[in-house]
Amino acid sequence: MAWQQLTIATREQDSALFEQILEDLGALSITFTDGEDQPIYEPPLETTPLWKSTLITGLFEEDTDLTTSQEIIKNAVSDSISWKLSIDRLEDQVWERVWLDNFKPVEFSNNFWVCSTQHQIPTQATEANATVLSLDPGLAFGTGTHPTTALCLEWLSQQNLSQQTITDFGCGSGILAIAALLLGAKQADCIDIDPQALTATVDNAEKNHVTERVQVFNADSYPTDEKDLVLANILAEPLLALSQQISALVKPAGTLILSGILSEQIEQITQCYSDLFDFKEPMIKDNWGCLCGIKKG
């Protein structure tokens, strides 16, 4: 089965108008994307900002007649509104598999690799007897390709984690907790608000043969015993809002890793946690930061 997608390039302030037009044309779904290179990293709570130049794409069944769409849109908007239309045919695919096909193996320090379940383990990893994490993120966040996760994995791969206990707060795919276990940690609690994240974590733990050392918990109810290492790769707003809960999970002299932070948010996050933690120099990658703090005794 194939589909059609109709895309309108326009300005942010006119997006709502074109969204309504696509709905009236019978779009099955409507997607907003960046029309230029203007990333929105972390919008304020309860806001839905768009890009100054926005692409609005409607998905239609293959047999939908879109030949008159240009004329319909032209008659529906004033001459002062800027817009451009394109129509493309879209072959049906298993899209999550397509994405995974492009998720290439990634190497971190000390011969530690993250490899999609859709790819063979690289020859150089096999020959060097590398530690390899096999990952299928499913619908959860966390593959190791985003700077926030990559910073955490790079840090983990350089540590002696032997027999350490872990809490992964906001576990997503479970990638950080599973990485820690493969690198020597003893046991990990994985916490998330998203049931799909917990499902993905269980599946990935099984793929990596660490199921017996992983427990998953919904964020509404989880163990509060202190751990040697707590990882929280979320975003600045929840890191601020949940600072007391996250801090309480770390043993005295234990380690806290905070990630998902923009470079300009580092000072605010550091100040929020500084009463209980001494922080090392931030790790930075592509305008994202990762903080490592040691809990004061």
Protein backbone atom coordinates (compact mmCIF):
# COMPACT_ATOMS: atom_id res chain seq x y z
CA MET A 1 0.00 0.00 0.00
CA ALA A 2 1.21 3.51 -0.80
CA TRP A 3 0.29 6.90 0.56
CA GLN A 4 0.37 10.52 -0.51
CA GLN A 5 1.81 13.34 1.51
CA LEU A 6 0.95 16.98 0.91
CA THR A 7 3.43 19.42 2.42
CA ILE A 8 2.93 23.16 2.86
CA ALA A 9 5.88 25.41 3.64
CA THR A 10 4.73 28.51 5.46
CA ARG A 11 5.36 30.83 8.41
CA GLU A 12 4.80 29.98 12.05
CA GLN A 13 1.91 32.44 12.45
CA ASP A 14 -0.02 30.87 9.56
CA SER A 15 0.44 27.25 10.62
CA ALA A 16 -2.93 26.89 12.34
CA LEU A 17 -4.75 28.03 9.19
CA PHE A 18 -3.02 25.44 7.02
CA GLU A 19 -3.53 22.74 9.63
CA GLN A 20 -7.28 23.37 9.40
CA ILE A 21 -7.15 23.25 5.60
CA LEU A 22 -5.38 19.87 5.68
CA GLU A 23 -7.98 18.57 8.10
CA ASP A 24 -10.74 19.77 5.75
CA LEU A 25 -9.02 17.98 2.85
CA GLY A 26 -9.21 14.74 4.85
CA ALA A 27 -5.66 14.28 6.10
CA LEU A 28 -5.22 11.12 8.17
CA SER A 29 -2.42 12.72 10.18
CA ILE A 30 -0.67 16.08 10.26
CA THR A 31 2.99 16.61 11.14
CA PHE A 32 4.89 19.84 11.85
CA THR A 33 8.63 19.96 11.12
CA ASP A 34 11.40 22.54 10.92
CA GLY A 35 11.47 24.31 7.55
CA GLU A 36 15.02 25.55 8.06
CA ASP A 37 17.64 24.88 10.76
CA GLN A 38 16.05 26.33 13.86
CA PRO A 39 16.07 23.65 16.58
CA ILE A 40 13.73 23.96 19.56
CA TYR A 41 15.55 22.07 22.30
CA GLU A 42 13.33 22.40 25.35
CA PRO A 43 10.24 24.63 25.20
CA PRO A 44 8.75 26.07 28.40
CA LEU A 45 6.15 23.92 30.10
CA GLU A 46 2.60 24.11 28.70
CA THR A 47 3.77 25.71 25.45
CA THR A 48 3.92 24.35 21.90
CA PRO A 49 6.24 26.63 19.95
CA LEU A 50 6.77 26.18 16.22
CA TRP A 51 9.57 27.17 13.91
CA LYS A 52 9.58 30.52 12.10
CA SER A 53 9.61 28.53 8.88
CA THR A 54 7.37 25.49 9.32
CA LEU A 55 6.58 22.50 7.13
CA ILE A 56 3.07 21.12 7.65
CA THR A 57 2.62 17.66 6.15
CA GLY A 58 -0.69 15.86 5.75
CA LEU A 59 -0.83 12.11 5.09
CA PHE A 60 -3.52 10.87 2.69
CA GLU A 61 -4.58 7.53 1.28
CA GLU A 62 -3.24 6.72 -2.16
CA ASP A 63 -6.58 7.13 -3.94
CA THR A 64 -7.33 10.59 -2.47
CA ASP A 65 -7.76 13.16 -5.25
CA LEU A 66 -5.38 16.02 -4.45
CA THR A 67 -5.30 17.51 -7.96
CA THR A 68 -7.41 20.49 -6.89
CA SER A 69 -5.68 21.06 -3.54
CA GLN A 70 -3.54 23.90 -4.84
CA GLU A 71 -6.64 25.77 -6.03
CA ILE A 72 -8.53 25.02 -2.81
CA ILE A 73 -5.70 26.42 -0.70
CA LYS A 74 -5.32 29.44 -2.98
CA ASN A 75 -9.00 30.28 -2.54
CA ALA A 76 -8.86 29.78 1.23
CA VAL A 77 -5.98 32.12 2.09
CA SER A 78 -5.28 35.77 1.41
CA ASP A 79 -2.63 36.96 -1.02
CA SER A 80 -0.56 38.30 1.89
CA ILE A 81 0.10 34.79 3.24
CA SER A 82 3.27 33.10 2.01
CA TRP A 83 3.07 29.37 1.23
CA LYS A 84 4.39 26.70 -1.09
CA LEU A 85 2.87 23.28 -1.77
CA SER A 86 4.35 19.92 -2.78
CA ILE A 87 2.75 16.48 -3.19
CA ASP A 88 4.74 13.24 -2.98
CA ARG A 89 3.96 9.55 -3.19
CA LEU A 90 5.08 7.60 -0.14
CA GLU A 91 5.60 3.84 -0.24
CA ASP A 92 4.37 2.02 2.83
CA GLN A 93 7.14 0.64 5.02
CA VAL A 94 7.71 -0.59 8.54
CA TRP A 95 9.04 2.80 9.56
CA GLU A 96 10.61 1.86 12.88
CA ARG A 97 12.60 -0.84 11.03
CA VAL A 98 13.69 1.70 8.41
CA TRP A 99 14.96 3.93 11.19
CA LEU A 100 16.78 1.07 12.87
CA ASP A 101 18.47 0.19 9.58
CA ASN A 102 20.11 3.64 9.74
CA PHE A 103 21.07 3.26 13.40
CA LYS A 104 24.69 2.24 12.87
CA PRO A 105 26.96 0.65 15.53
CA VAL A 106 28.64 3.24 17.76
CA GLU A 107 31.94 2.78 19.62
CA PHE A 108 32.70 4.45 22.95
CA SER A 109 35.78 4.35 25.18
CA ASN A 110 37.53 1.13 26.20
CA ASN A 111 36.10 -0.93 23.36
CA PHE A 112 32.45 -0.53 24.40
CA TRP A 113 29.90 -0.65 21.56
CA VAL A 114 26.19 -0.01 21.13
CA CYS A 115 24.77 -1.94 18.21
CA SER A 116 21.23 -2.15 16.83
CA THR A 117 19.67 -5.60 16.78
CA GLN A 118 19.29 -5.03 13.01
CA HIS A 119 23.06 -4.92 12.46
CA GLN A 120 25.81 -7.47 12.79
CA ILE A 121 28.41 -6.78 15.43
CA PRO A 122 31.31 -5.02 13.66
CA THR A 123 34.30 -7.21 12.88
CA GLN A 124 36.68 -4.99 14.83
CA ALA A 125 34.49 -5.35 17.92
CA THR A 126 34.36 -9.13 17.60
CA GLU A 127 38.10 -9.46 17.05
CA ALA A 128 38.90 -7.23 20.01
CA ASN A 129 36.50 -9.04 22.34
CA ALA A 130 34.55 -5.84 22.88
CA THR A 131 31.68 -5.25 25.29
CA VAL A 132 28.63 -4.90 23.03
CA LEU A 133 25.18 -3.65 24.01
CA SER A 134 22.51 -4.91 21.59
CA LEU A 135 19.65 -2.44 21.42
CA ASP A 136 16.17 -2.18 19.98
CA PRO A 137 14.69 1.02 21.46
CA GLY A 138 11.14 0.27 20.30
CA LEU A 139 9.07 3.39 21.02
CA ALA A 140 11.33 4.57 23.86
CA PHE A 141 13.99 7.28 23.87
CA GLY A 142 17.64 6.28 24.00
CA THR A 143 19.93 4.85 21.33
CA GLY A 144 23.29 6.38 22.12
CA THR A 145 23.24 8.60 19.04
CA HIS A 146 21.88 11.70 20.79
CA PRO A 147 24.57 13.79 22.54
CA THR A 148 22.86 13.49 25.94
CA THR A 149 22.93 9.69 25.88
CA ALA A 150 26.35 9.57 24.21
CA LEU A 151 27.86 11.68 26.99
CA CYS A 152 26.51 9.29 29.62
CA LEU A 153 27.74 6.22 27.74
CA GLU A 154 31.18 7.73 27.23
CA TRP A 155 31.41 8.42 30.97
CA LEU A 156 30.15 4.94 31.91
CA SER A 157 32.63 3.23 29.60
CA GLN A 158 35.51 4.88 31.45
CA GLN A 159 34.45 3.89 34.98
CA ASN A 160 35.10 0.96 37.26
CA LEU A 161 31.51 -0.05 37.99
CA SER A 162 32.28 -3.41 39.60
CA GLN A 163 29.49 -4.44 42.01
CA GLN A 164 27.89 -1.00 42.01
CA THR A 165 24.14 -0.57 42.46
CA ILE A 166 22.38 1.68 39.94
CA THR A 167 19.19 3.69 39.58
CA ASP A 168 18.35 4.85 36.05
CA PHE A 169 15.80 7.63 36.59
CA GLY A 170 13.96 8.15 33.30
CA CYS A 171 15.34 4.97 31.75
CA GLY A 172 13.81 5.22 28.25
CA SER A 173 15.10 2.17 26.36
CA GLY A 174 17.12 1.08 29.39
CA ILE A 175 20.35 1.78 27.54
CA LEU A 176 22.24 3.41 30.43
CA ALA A 177 21.32 0.87 33.08
CA ILE A 178 22.08 -2.04 30.76
CA ALA A 179 25.38 -0.46 29.75
CA ALA A 180 26.33 -0.13 33.42
CA LEU A 181 25.48 -3.79 34.06
CA LEU A 182 27.50 -4.98 31.07
CA LEU A 183 30.40 -2.90 32.38
CA GLY A 184 30.35 -4.57 35.78
CA ALA A 185 27.54 -3.07 37.86
CA LYS A 186 25.69 -5.45 40.19
CA GLN A 187 22.02 -4.44 39.94
CA ALA A 188 19.87 -1.67 38.41
CA ASP A 189 16.48 -0.15 39.14
CA CYS A 190 14.93 1.45 36.04
CA ILE A 191 12.24 4.09 36.48
CA ASP A 192 10.07 5.82 33.87
CA ILE A 193 6.65 7.46 33.49
CA ASP A 194 6.12 5.80 30.10
CA PRO A 195 4.92 2.17 30.07
CA GLN A 196 6.47 1.73 26.60
CA ALA A 197 9.85 2.66 28.07
CA LEU A 198 9.51 -0.01 30.74
CA THR A 199 8.54 -2.57 28.10
CA ALA A 200 11.53 -1.60 25.96
CA THR A 201 13.84 -1.82 28.98
CA VAL A 202 12.65 -5.34 29.83
CA ASP A 203 13.07 -6.43 26.20
CA ASN A 204 16.56 -4.95 25.93
CA ALA A 205 17.62 -6.45 29.26
CA GLU A 206 16.63 -9.85 27.92
CA LYS A 207 18.55 -9.30 24.67
CA ASN A 208 21.66 -8.51 26.71
CA HIS A 209 21.21 -11.35 29.22
CA VAL A 210 20.94 -9.08 32.28
CA THR A 211 17.25 -9.65 33.07
CA GLU A 212 17.94 -11.05 36.55
CA ARG A 213 19.79 -7.87 37.51
CA VAL A 214 17.17 -5.38 36.25
CA GLN A 215 13.96 -4.25 37.91
CA VAL A 216 11.56 -1.77 36.27
CA PHE A 217 9.22 0.62 38.06
CA ASN A 218 6.65 3.20 37.13
CA ALA A 219 7.57 6.67 38.36
CA ASP A 220 4.49 6.68 40.61
CA SER A 221 5.96 3.93 42.80
CA TYR A 222 9.60 2.90 42.99
CA PRO A 223 12.21 1.87 45.61
CA THR A 224 13.83 4.76 47.41
CA ASP A 225 16.86 2.96 48.82
CA GLU A 226 20.14 4.72 48.14
CA LYS A 227 22.39 3.52 45.31
CA ASP A 228 26.08 3.89 44.44
CA LEU A 229 25.24 5.54 41.11
CA VAL A 230 22.14 7.38 39.94
CA LEU A 231 21.71 8.32 36.28
CA ALA A 232 19.10 10.90 35.23
CA ASN A 233 19.20 11.61 31.51
CA ILE A 234 15.99 13.61 31.16
CA LEU A 235 15.62 17.38 30.66
CA ALA A 236 16.32 20.48 32.71
CA GLU A 237 12.72 21.14 33.82
CA PRO A 238 12.15 17.71 35.37
CA LEU A 239 15.68 17.69 36.79
CA LEU A 240 14.81 20.89 38.65
CA ALA A 241 11.33 19.79 39.67
CA LEU A 242 12.48 16.36 40.89
CA SER A 243 15.81 17.36 42.42
CA GLN A 244 14.87 16.25 45.95
CA GLN A 245 13.63 12.84 44.82
CA ILE A 246 16.64 12.23 42.59
CA SER A 247 19.16 13.42 45.18
CA ALA A 248 17.65 11.15 47.86
CA LEU A 249 18.44 8.08 45.76
CA VAL A 250 22.23 8.60 45.96
CA LYS A 251 24.36 7.19 48.78
CA PRO A 252 26.76 9.50 50.64
CA ALA A 253 29.93 9.62 48.52
CA GLY A 254 27.89 8.11 45.68
CA THR A 255 27.77 9.48 42.15
CA LEU A 256 25.02 11.39 40.36
CA ILE A 257 25.00 11.81 36.58
CA LEU A 258 22.64 14.47 35.22
CA SER A 259 22.17 14.82 31.47
CA GLY A 260 19.69 16.18 28.93
CA ILE A 261 20.88 19.68 29.81
CA LEU A 262 21.64 22.49 27.37
CA SER A 263 24.95 24.25 27.91
CA GLU A 264 23.21 27.43 29.03
CA GLN A 265 21.23 25.47 31.66
CA ILE A 266 24.26 23.94 33.36
CA GLU A 267 24.72 26.71 35.93
CA GLN A 268 21.06 26.58 37.01
CA ILE A 269 21.11 22.79 37.41
CA THR A 270 24.43 22.89 39.27
CA GLN A 271 23.12 25.48 41.72
CA CYS A 272 19.96 23.46 42.34
CA TYR A 273 21.94 20.36 43.38
CA SER A 274 25.05 22.02 44.87
CA ASP A 275 23.91 21.85 48.51
CA LEU A 276 24.24 18.07 48.37
CA PHE A 277 26.77 17.45 45.59
CA ASP A 278 30.24 18.54 44.54
CA PHE A 279 30.34 18.72 40.74
CA LYS A 280 33.22 18.07 38.42
CA GLU A 281 33.87 19.99 35.20
CA PRO A 282 30.83 19.61 32.88
CA MET A 283 31.09 17.34 29.86
CA ILE A 284 29.87 19.07 26.69
CA LYS A 285 28.84 17.73 23.28
CA ASP A 286 27.00 19.70 20.57
CA ASN A 287 25.63 22.29 23.02
CA TRP A 288 24.40 19.58 25.41
CA GLY A 289 25.90 19.08 28.84
CA CYS A 290 26.35 16.21 31.29
CA LEU A 291 27.14 16.75 34.97
CA CYS A 292 28.92 14.39 37.33
CA GLY A 293 28.42 15.08 41.04
CA ILE A 294 29.67 13.32 44.20
CA LYS A 295 27.29 13.37 47.15
CA LYS A 296 28.65 15.10 50.18
CA GLY A 297 29.10 12.97 53.26
